C-alpha atoms as a PDB file:
ATOM      1  CA  MET A   1      12.963  15.543  26.103  1.00  0.00           C
ATOM      2  CA  ALA A   2      14.353  17.145  23.264  1.00  0.00           C
ATOM      3  CA  GLU A   3      14.597  20.457  22.990  1.00  0.00           C
ATOM      4  CA  ALA A   4      11.971  22.249  20.312  1.00  0.00           C
ATOM      5  CA  GLY A   5      12.469  21.834  16.967  1.00  0.00           C
ATOM      6  CA  THR A   6      15.537  19.735  16.914  1.00  0.00           C
ATOM      7  CA  ARG A   7      14.067  17.001  14.732  1.00  0.00           C
ATOM      8  CA  THR A   8      12.832  18.892  12.031  1.00  0.00           C
ATOM      9  CA  PRO A   9      15.329  21.456  11.120  1.00  0.00           C
ATOM     10  CA  GLY A  10      14.581  23.942   7.754  1.00  0.00           C
ATOM     11  CA  LEU A  11      10.815  23.355   8.211  1.00  0.00           C
ATOM     12  CA  ALA A  12      10.007  26.776   9.718  1.00  0.00           C
ATOM     13  CA  PRO A  13       8.145  28.920  10.644  1.00  0.00           C
ATOM     14  CA  TRP A  14       5.853  25.892  11.557  1.00  0.00           C
ATOM     15  CA  ASN A  15       9.193  23.802  13.059  1.00  0.00           C
ATOM     16  CA  ASN A  16       8.613  26.015  16.480  1.00  0.00           C
ATOM     17  CA  LEU A  17       4.553  25.811  17.990  1.00  0.00           C
ATOM     18  CA  GLU A  18       5.497  27.183  21.184  1.00  0.00           C
ATOM     19  CA  GLY A  19       2.448  28.224  22.933  1.00  0.00           C
ATOM     20  CA  LYS A  20       0.366  26.287  21.114  1.00  0.00           C
ATOM     21  CA  ILE A  21      -2.389  24.023  23.429  1.00  0.00           C
ATOM     22  CA  VAL A  22      -3.053  20.605  21.184  1.00  0.00           C
ATOM     23  CA  MET A  23      -5.100  17.826  21.699  1.00  0.00           C
ATOM     24  CA  VAL A  24      -4.685  14.154  20.298  1.00  0.00           C
ATOM     25  CA  THR A  25      -7.174  11.676  20.318  1.00  0.00           C
ATOM     26  CA  GLY A  26      -6.097   8.388  20.256  1.00  0.00           C
ATOM     27  CA  ALA A  27      -2.642   9.169  21.791  1.00  0.00           C
ATOM     28  CA  SER A  28      -2.018   6.341  23.535  1.00  0.00           C
ATOM     29  CA  SER A  29      -0.904   4.295  20.722  1.00  0.00           C
ATOM     30  CA  GLY A  30       0.580   3.962  16.889  1.00  0.00           C
ATOM     31  CA  ILE A  31       0.700   7.648  15.378  1.00  0.00           C
ATOM     32  CA  GLY A  32      -1.431   9.194  17.804  1.00  0.00           C
ATOM     33  CA  ARG A  33       1.325   8.593  20.680  1.00  0.00           C
ATOM     34  CA  ASP A  34       4.029   9.820  17.821  1.00  0.00           C
ATOM     35  CA  LEU A  35       2.407  12.860  16.963  1.00  0.00           C
ATOM     36  CA  CYS A  36       2.017  13.533  21.243  1.00  0.00           C
ATOM     37  CA  LEU A  37       5.891  13.166  21.199  1.00  0.00           C
ATOM     38  CA  ASP A  38       6.645  15.304  18.262  1.00  0.00           C
ATOM     39  CA  LEU A  39       3.966  18.221  19.267  1.00  0.00           C
ATOM     40  CA  ALA A  40       5.979  18.231  22.200  1.00  0.00           C
ATOM     41  CA  ARG A  41       9.219  18.253  20.866  1.00  0.00           C
ATOM     42  CA  ALA A  42       7.895  21.867  18.795  1.00  0.00           C
ATOM     43  CA  GLY A  43       6.853  23.356  21.859  1.00  0.00           C
ATOM     44  CA  CYS A  44       3.139  22.453  22.295  1.00  0.00           C
ATOM     45  CA  ARG A  45       1.194  21.803  25.750  1.00  0.00           C
ATOM     46  CA  VAL A  46      -0.013  18.445  24.957  1.00  0.00           C
ATOM     47  CA  ILE A  47      -3.361  17.146  25.808  1.00  0.00           C
ATOM     48  CA  ALA A  48      -3.171  12.934  24.835  1.00  0.00           C
ATOM     49  CA  ALA A  49      -7.016  11.598  25.294  1.00  0.00           C
ATOM     50  CA  ALA A  50      -8.000   8.213  24.815  1.00  0.00           C
ATOM     51  CA  ARG A  51      -9.450   5.188  26.774  1.00  0.00           C
ATOM     52  CA  ARG A  52      -6.025   3.350  27.496  1.00  0.00           C
ATOM     53  CA  THR A  53      -4.989   5.931  30.616  1.00  0.00           C
ATOM     54  CA  ASP A  54      -2.423   3.618  32.034  1.00  0.00           C
ATOM     55  CA  ARG A  55      -0.533   4.102  28.427  1.00  0.00           C
ATOM     56  CA  LEU A  56      -1.403   7.886  28.756  1.00  0.00           C
ATOM     57  CA  ARG A  57       0.231   8.444  31.454  1.00  0.00           C
ATOM     58  CA  SER A  58       3.504   6.761  30.578  1.00  0.00           C
ATOM     59  CA  LEU A  59       3.398   8.958  27.709  1.00  0.00           C
ATOM     60  CA  CYS A  60       2.683  12.103  29.659  1.00  0.00           C
ATOM     61  CA  GLU A  61       5.027  10.937  31.881  1.00  0.00           C
ATOM     62  CA  GLU A  62       7.767  11.157  28.871  1.00  0.00           C
ATOM     63  CA  ILE A  63       6.836  14.178  27.944  1.00  0.00           C
ATOM     64  CA  ASN A  64       6.992  16.003  31.009  1.00  0.00           C
ATOM     65  CA  GLY A  65      10.620  14.109  32.021  1.00  0.00           C
ATOM     66  CA  SER A  66      11.597  12.307  35.215  1.00  0.00           C
ATOM     67  CA  GLY A  67      11.751  13.783  38.882  1.00  0.00           C
ATOM     68  CA  PRO A  68       9.754  16.599  40.480  1.00  0.00           C
ATOM     69  CA  SER A  69       8.112  19.760  38.336  1.00  0.00           C
ATOM     70  CA  GLN A  70       6.166  22.258  39.350  1.00  0.00           C
ATOM     71  CA  ARG A  71       2.955  22.515  37.704  1.00  0.00           C
ATOM     72  CA  SER A  72       4.028  25.382  35.276  1.00  0.00           C
ATOM     73  CA  ALA A  73       6.846  22.856  33.975  1.00  0.00           C
ATOM     74  CA  VAL A  74       3.902  20.526  32.888  1.00  0.00           C
ATOM     75  CA  ARG A  75       3.809  20.031  29.224  1.00  0.00           C
ATOM     76  CA  SER A  76       1.288  17.144  28.927  1.00  0.00           C
ATOM     77  CA  VAL A  77      -2.012  15.603  30.584  1.00  0.00           C
ATOM     78  CA  ALA A  78      -3.793  12.664  30.361  1.00  0.00           C
ATOM     79  CA  ILE A  79      -7.558  12.601  29.488  1.00  0.00           C
ATOM     80  CA  GLU A  80      -9.600   9.509  29.338  1.00  0.00           C
ATOM     81  CA  LEU A  81     -11.661   9.853  26.190  1.00  0.00           C
ATOM     82  CA  ASP A  82     -13.953   7.417  24.577  1.00  0.00           C
ATOM     83  CA  VAL A  83     -14.980   9.037  20.747  1.00  0.00           C
ATOM     84  CA  SER A  84     -17.550   6.032  20.710  1.00  0.00           C
ATOM     85  CA  ALA A  85     -19.173   7.209  23.886  1.00  0.00           C
ATOM     86  CA  ASP A  86     -22.174   9.164  24.672  1.00  0.00           C
ATOM     87  CA  GLU A  87     -22.456  13.158  24.206  1.00  0.00           C
ATOM     88  CA  PRO A  88     -22.533  13.848  27.834  1.00  0.00           C
ATOM     89  CA  SER A  89     -19.389  11.791  28.213  1.00  0.00           C
ATOM     90  CA  ILE A  90     -17.683  13.278  25.537  1.00  0.00           C
ATOM     91  CA  ALA A  91     -18.750  16.693  26.599  1.00  0.00           C
ATOM     92  CA  ALA A  92     -17.257  16.063  29.961  1.00  0.00           C
ATOM     93  CA  SER A  93     -13.650  14.871  28.614  1.00  0.00           C
ATOM     94  CA  VAL A  94     -13.571  17.701  26.555  1.00  0.00           C
ATOM     95  CA  GLN A  95     -14.373  20.137  29.318  1.00  0.00           C
ATOM     96  CA  ARG A  96     -11.485  18.365  31.551  1.00  0.00           C
ATOM     97  CA  ALA A  97      -9.259  18.695  28.707  1.00  0.00           C
ATOM     98  CA  CYS A  98      -9.841  22.550  28.687  1.00  0.00           C
ATOM     99  CA  ASP A  99     -10.036  22.806  32.260  1.00  0.00           C
ATOM    100  CA  ALA A 100      -6.173  21.729  31.716  1.00  0.00           C
ATOM    101  CA  PHE A 101      -4.751  24.406  30.449  1.00  0.00           C
ATOM    102  CA  GLY A 102      -6.931  26.913  30.161  1.00  0.00           C
ATOM    103  CA  ARG A 103      -8.056  26.962  26.517  1.00  0.00           C
ATOM    104  CA  ILE A 104      -7.198  24.344  23.130  1.00  0.00           C
ATOM    105  CA  ASP A 105      -5.490  26.131  20.060  1.00  0.00           C
ATOM    106  CA  GLY A 106      -5.646  22.748  17.681  1.00  0.00           C
ATOM    107  CA  LEU A 107      -7.292  19.433  17.677  1.00  0.00           C
ATOM    108  CA  VAL A 108      -5.879  16.251  16.079  1.00  0.00           C
ATOM    109  CA  ASN A 109      -8.908  13.990  15.722  1.00  0.00           C
ATOM    110  CA  ASN A 110      -6.794  10.935  15.212  1.00  0.00           C
ATOM    111  CA  ALA A 111      -9.056   8.590  16.898  1.00  0.00           C
ATOM    112  CA  GLY A 112     -10.441   5.947  15.146  1.00  0.00           C
ATOM    113  CA  VAL A 113      -8.825   6.775  12.048  1.00  0.00           C
ATOM    114  CA  ARG A 114      -6.782   4.176  10.409  1.00  0.00           C
ATOM    115  CA  GLY A 115      -4.149   5.013   7.806  1.00  0.00           C
ATOM    116  CA  PHE A 116      -3.779   2.873   4.410  1.00  0.00           C
ATOM    117  CA  VAL A 117      -7.462   2.621   3.507  1.00  0.00           C
ATOM    118  CA  CYS A 118      -9.643   2.847   0.435  1.00  0.00           C
ATOM    119  CA  LEU A 119      -9.207   6.472  -0.410  1.00  0.00           C
ATOM    120  CA  LYS A 120     -12.887   6.631  -1.517  1.00  0.00           C
ATOM    121  CA  ILE A 121     -14.587   5.026   1.816  1.00  0.00           C
ATOM    122  CA  TYR A 122     -11.959   7.686   3.821  1.00  0.00           C
ATOM    123  CA  ILE A 123     -13.516  10.641   1.610  1.00  0.00           C
ATOM    124  CA  ASN A 124     -17.311   9.606   2.066  1.00  0.00           C
ATOM    125  CA  ASN A 125     -16.897   8.683   5.713  1.00  0.00           C
ATOM    126  CA  VAL A 126     -13.846  11.548   7.242  1.00  0.00           C
ATOM    127  CA  VAL A 127     -13.749  13.959   4.401  1.00  0.00           C
ATOM    128  CA  PHE A 128     -17.041  15.218   3.683  1.00  0.00           C
ATOM    129  CA  PRO A 129     -17.996  15.404   7.138  1.00  0.00           C
ATOM    130  CA  LYS A 130     -15.251  17.567   8.159  1.00  0.00           C
ATOM    131  CA  GLN A 131     -16.133  19.832   4.909  1.00  0.00           C
ATOM    132  CA  VAL A 132     -19.225  20.162   6.163  1.00  0.00           C
ATOM    133  CA  MET A 133     -18.148  21.041  10.042  1.00  0.00           C
ATOM    134  CA  ALA A 134     -15.627  23.648   7.861  1.00  0.00           C
ATOM    135  CA  LEU A 135     -18.639  25.785   6.140  1.00  0.00           C
ATOM    136  CA  GLU A 136     -20.103  25.106   9.902  1.00  0.00           C
ATOM    137  CA  LEU A 137     -17.731  26.406  12.176  1.00  0.00           C
ATOM    138  CA  GLY A 138     -15.446  29.134   9.821  1.00  0.00           C
ATOM    139  CA  GLY A 139     -17.613  31.541  11.132  1.00  0.00           C
ATOM    140  CA  SER A 140     -16.199  31.245  14.352  1.00  0.00           C
ATOM    141  CA  ASN A 141     -12.635  31.230  12.865  1.00  0.00           C
ATOM    142  CA  ILE A 142     -12.296  27.785  13.205  1.00  0.00           C
ATOM    143  CA  ARG A 143     -10.476  25.515  10.755  1.00  0.00           C
ATOM    144  CA  VAL A 144     -11.582  21.841   9.881  1.00  0.00           C
ATOM    145  CA  ASN A 145      -9.320  20.220   7.356  1.00  0.00           C
ATOM    146  CA  ALA A 146      -8.395  16.130   7.247  1.00  0.00           C
ATOM    147  CA  ILE A 147      -5.072  13.779   6.387  1.00  0.00           C
ATOM    148  CA  ALA A 148      -4.962  10.839   4.855  1.00  0.00           C
ATOM    149  CA  PRO A 149      -2.227   9.278   5.819  1.00  0.00           C
ATOM    150  CA  GLY A 150      -0.766   5.950   3.936  1.00  0.00           C
ATOM    151  CA  LEU A 151       1.560   3.264   5.778  1.00  0.00           C
ATOM    152  CA  PHE A 152       4.035   4.379   7.968  1.00  0.00           C
ATOM    153  CA  ARG A 153       6.192   3.086  10.433  1.00  0.00           C
ATOM    154  CA  SER A 154       4.330   2.975  14.313  1.00  0.00           C
ATOM    155  CA  GLU A 155       4.313   1.043  17.735  1.00  0.00           C
ATOM    156  CA  ILE A 156       1.272  -0.752  15.738  1.00  0.00           C
ATOM    157  CA  THR A 157       3.191  -1.292  11.977  1.00  0.00           C
ATOM    158  CA  ALA A 158       6.719  -1.743  13.519  1.00  0.00           C
ATOM    159  CA  ALA A 159       6.287  -5.767  12.848  1.00  0.00           C
ATOM    160  CA  LEU A 160       4.670  -5.394   9.663  1.00  0.00           C
ATOM    161  CA  MET A 161       7.431  -2.532   7.950  1.00  0.00           C
ATOM    162  CA  GLU A 162       9.866  -4.997   8.737  1.00  0.00           C
ATOM    163  CA  LYS A 163       8.642  -7.577   6.200  1.00  0.00           C
ATOM    164  CA  GLU A 164      11.217  -7.574   2.842  1.00  0.00           C
ATOM    165  CA  TRP A 165       7.955  -8.278   0.702  1.00  0.00           C
ATOM    166  CA  LEU A 166       6.346  -5.182   1.954  1.00  0.00           C
ATOM    167  CA  ASN A 167       9.482  -3.193   0.473  1.00  0.00           C
ATOM    168  CA  ARG A 168       9.075  -5.178  -2.742  1.00  0.00           C
ATOM    169  CA  VAL A 169       5.637  -4.036  -3.035  1.00  0.00           C
ATOM    170  CA  ALA A 170       6.822  -0.576  -2.408  1.00  0.00           C
ATOM    171  CA  GLU A 171       9.360  -0.860  -5.265  1.00  0.00           C
ATOM    172  CA  LYS A 172       6.346  -2.334  -7.861  1.00  0.00           C
ATOM    173  CA  THR A 173       3.498   0.063  -6.932  1.00  0.00           C
ATOM    174  CA  VAL A 174       4.253   3.559  -4.695  1.00  0.00           C
ATOM    175  CA  PRO A 175       5.202   6.402  -6.780  1.00  0.00           C
ATOM    176  CA  LEU A 176       7.806   7.489  -4.731  1.00  0.00           C
ATOM    177  CA  ARG A 177       9.115   3.774  -4.328  1.00  0.00           C
ATOM    178  CA  THR A 178       8.940   4.300  -0.331  1.00  0.00           C
ATOM    179  CA  TYR A 179       6.761   4.093   2.553  1.00  0.00           C
ATOM    180  CA  GLY A 180       7.903   7.000   3.945  1.00  0.00           C
ATOM    181  CA  THR A 181       8.400   7.877   7.732  1.00  0.00           C
ATOM    182  CA  LEU A 182       6.525   9.368  10.105  1.00  0.00           C
ATOM    183  CA  ASP A 183       8.473  12.153  10.854  1.00  0.00           C
ATOM    184  CA  PRO A 184       8.679  14.422   8.561  1.00  0.00           C
ATOM    185  CA  ALA A 185       6.578  13.309   6.277  1.00  0.00           C
ATOM    186  CA  LEU A 186       3.120  13.264   8.179  1.00  0.00           C
ATOM    187  CA  THR A 187       4.556  15.459  11.256  1.00  0.00           C
ATOM    188  CA  SER A 188       5.447  18.312   9.273  1.00  0.00           C
ATOM    189  CA  VAL A 189       1.673  18.365   8.049  1.00  0.00           C
ATOM    190  CA  VAL A 190       0.618  18.502  11.425  1.00  0.00           C
ATOM    191  CA  ARG A 191       2.482  21.058  12.409  1.00  0.00           C
ATOM    192  CA  PHE A 192       1.676  23.385   9.357  1.00  0.00           C
ATOM    193  CA  LEU A 193      -2.038  22.890  10.171  1.00  0.00           C
ATOM    194  CA  ILE A 194      -1.464  24.005  14.047  1.00  0.00           C
ATOM    195  CA  HIS A 195       0.596  26.905  13.003  1.00  0.00           C
ATOM    196  CA  ASP A 196      -0.770  30.311  12.246  1.00  0.00           C
ATOM    197  CA  SER A 197       1.198  29.850   8.727  1.00  0.00           C
ATOM    198  CA  SER A 198      -2.422  27.941   7.840  1.00  0.00           C
ATOM    199  CA  SER A 199      -4.695  30.339   8.966  1.00  0.00           C
ATOM    200  CA  TYR A 200      -6.171  30.602   5.494  1.00  0.00           C
ATOM    201  CA  VAL A 201      -5.977  26.708   5.233  1.00  0.00           C
ATOM    202  CA  SER A 202      -9.701  25.004   5.655  1.00  0.00           C
ATOM    203  CA  GLY A 203     -12.185  22.355   4.701  1.00  0.00           C
ATOM    204  CA  ASN A 204      -8.928  20.495   2.925  1.00  0.00           C
ATOM    205  CA  ILE A 205      -7.625  16.816   2.577  1.00  0.00           C
ATOM    206  CA  PHE A 206      -4.165  16.150   2.667  1.00  0.00           C
ATOM    207  CA  ILE A 207      -3.062  13.080   1.349  1.00  0.00           C
ATOM    208  CA  VAL A 208      -0.067  11.508   2.402  1.00  0.00           C
ATOM    209  CA  ASP A 209       0.849   8.373   1.272  1.00  0.00           C
ATOM    210  CA  ALA A 210       4.064   8.802  -1.364  1.00  0.00           C
ATOM    211  CA  GLY A 211       1.303   8.471  -4.651  1.00  0.00           C
ATOM    212  CA  VAL A 212      -0.195   5.326  -3.611  1.00  0.00           C
ATOM    213  CA  THR A 213      -4.096   6.656  -4.142  1.00  0.00           C
ATOM    214  CA  LEU A 214      -3.295   8.437  -7.003  1.00  0.00           C
ATOM    215  CA  PRO A 215      -6.254   7.811  -9.707  1.00  0.00           C
ATOM    216  CA  GLY A 216      -6.594   6.470 -12.917  1.00  0.00           C
ATOM    217  CA  ILE A 217      -3.322   4.706 -12.347  1.00  0.00           C
ATOM    218  CA  PRO A 218      -3.227   0.498 -12.064  1.00  0.00           C
ATOM    219  CA  LEU A 219      -0.709   0.649  -9.284  1.00  0.00           C
ATOM    220  CA  PHE A 220      -0.669  -3.090  -8.780  1.00  0.00           C
ATOM    221  CA  SER A 221      -0.967  -4.497 -12.550  1.00  0.00           C
ATOM    222  CA  SER A 222       2.676  -5.421 -12.119  1.00  0.00           C
ATOM    223  CA  LEU A 223       2.727  -7.557  -9.292  1.00  0.00           C
END
């Protein structure tokens, strides 16, 4: 595993998250998996949660490195979690996650969230509930923010991103003329929100899509 902070130099102070314990749902594939790897590189201990435990174990082995290791050297653990399950089942999974390293400093609730969706639907179904949570949990010093990602290359989208027609669409409809890369476009935002530098940031939506969802602009009129 690479040393903490080697992939995105110059993004201090949130380039170094040494000591933070972060739980990532939907961690078995796609953006969730990539975020687990990036957070581990930043120095986090990672709780990888999803339904497919075989893939989670493979991910944790990659983070922890090969060969025998002591408990103190473990950087990642796998927790089986189905976010659509009943409340007692979810509570039991969360308790196992808390027990793994003794606490949870941050949660990246990636499960069931898909990028490149209608922004209005995303705001109604994801952002508004998180803003309510930010109001309710603020008194407990818990911050809640939402990230609305655009289209990024991941295990799930790799084949799509190779299509030449997609590049032509980007040239005509994306203000920045590119869909960008997960690192640092998305990873830097996630790191910032986990770092103490964002201790006064709550109830916000961070749109990371190269300007695709800019309101009032007929982006597809030139296709």
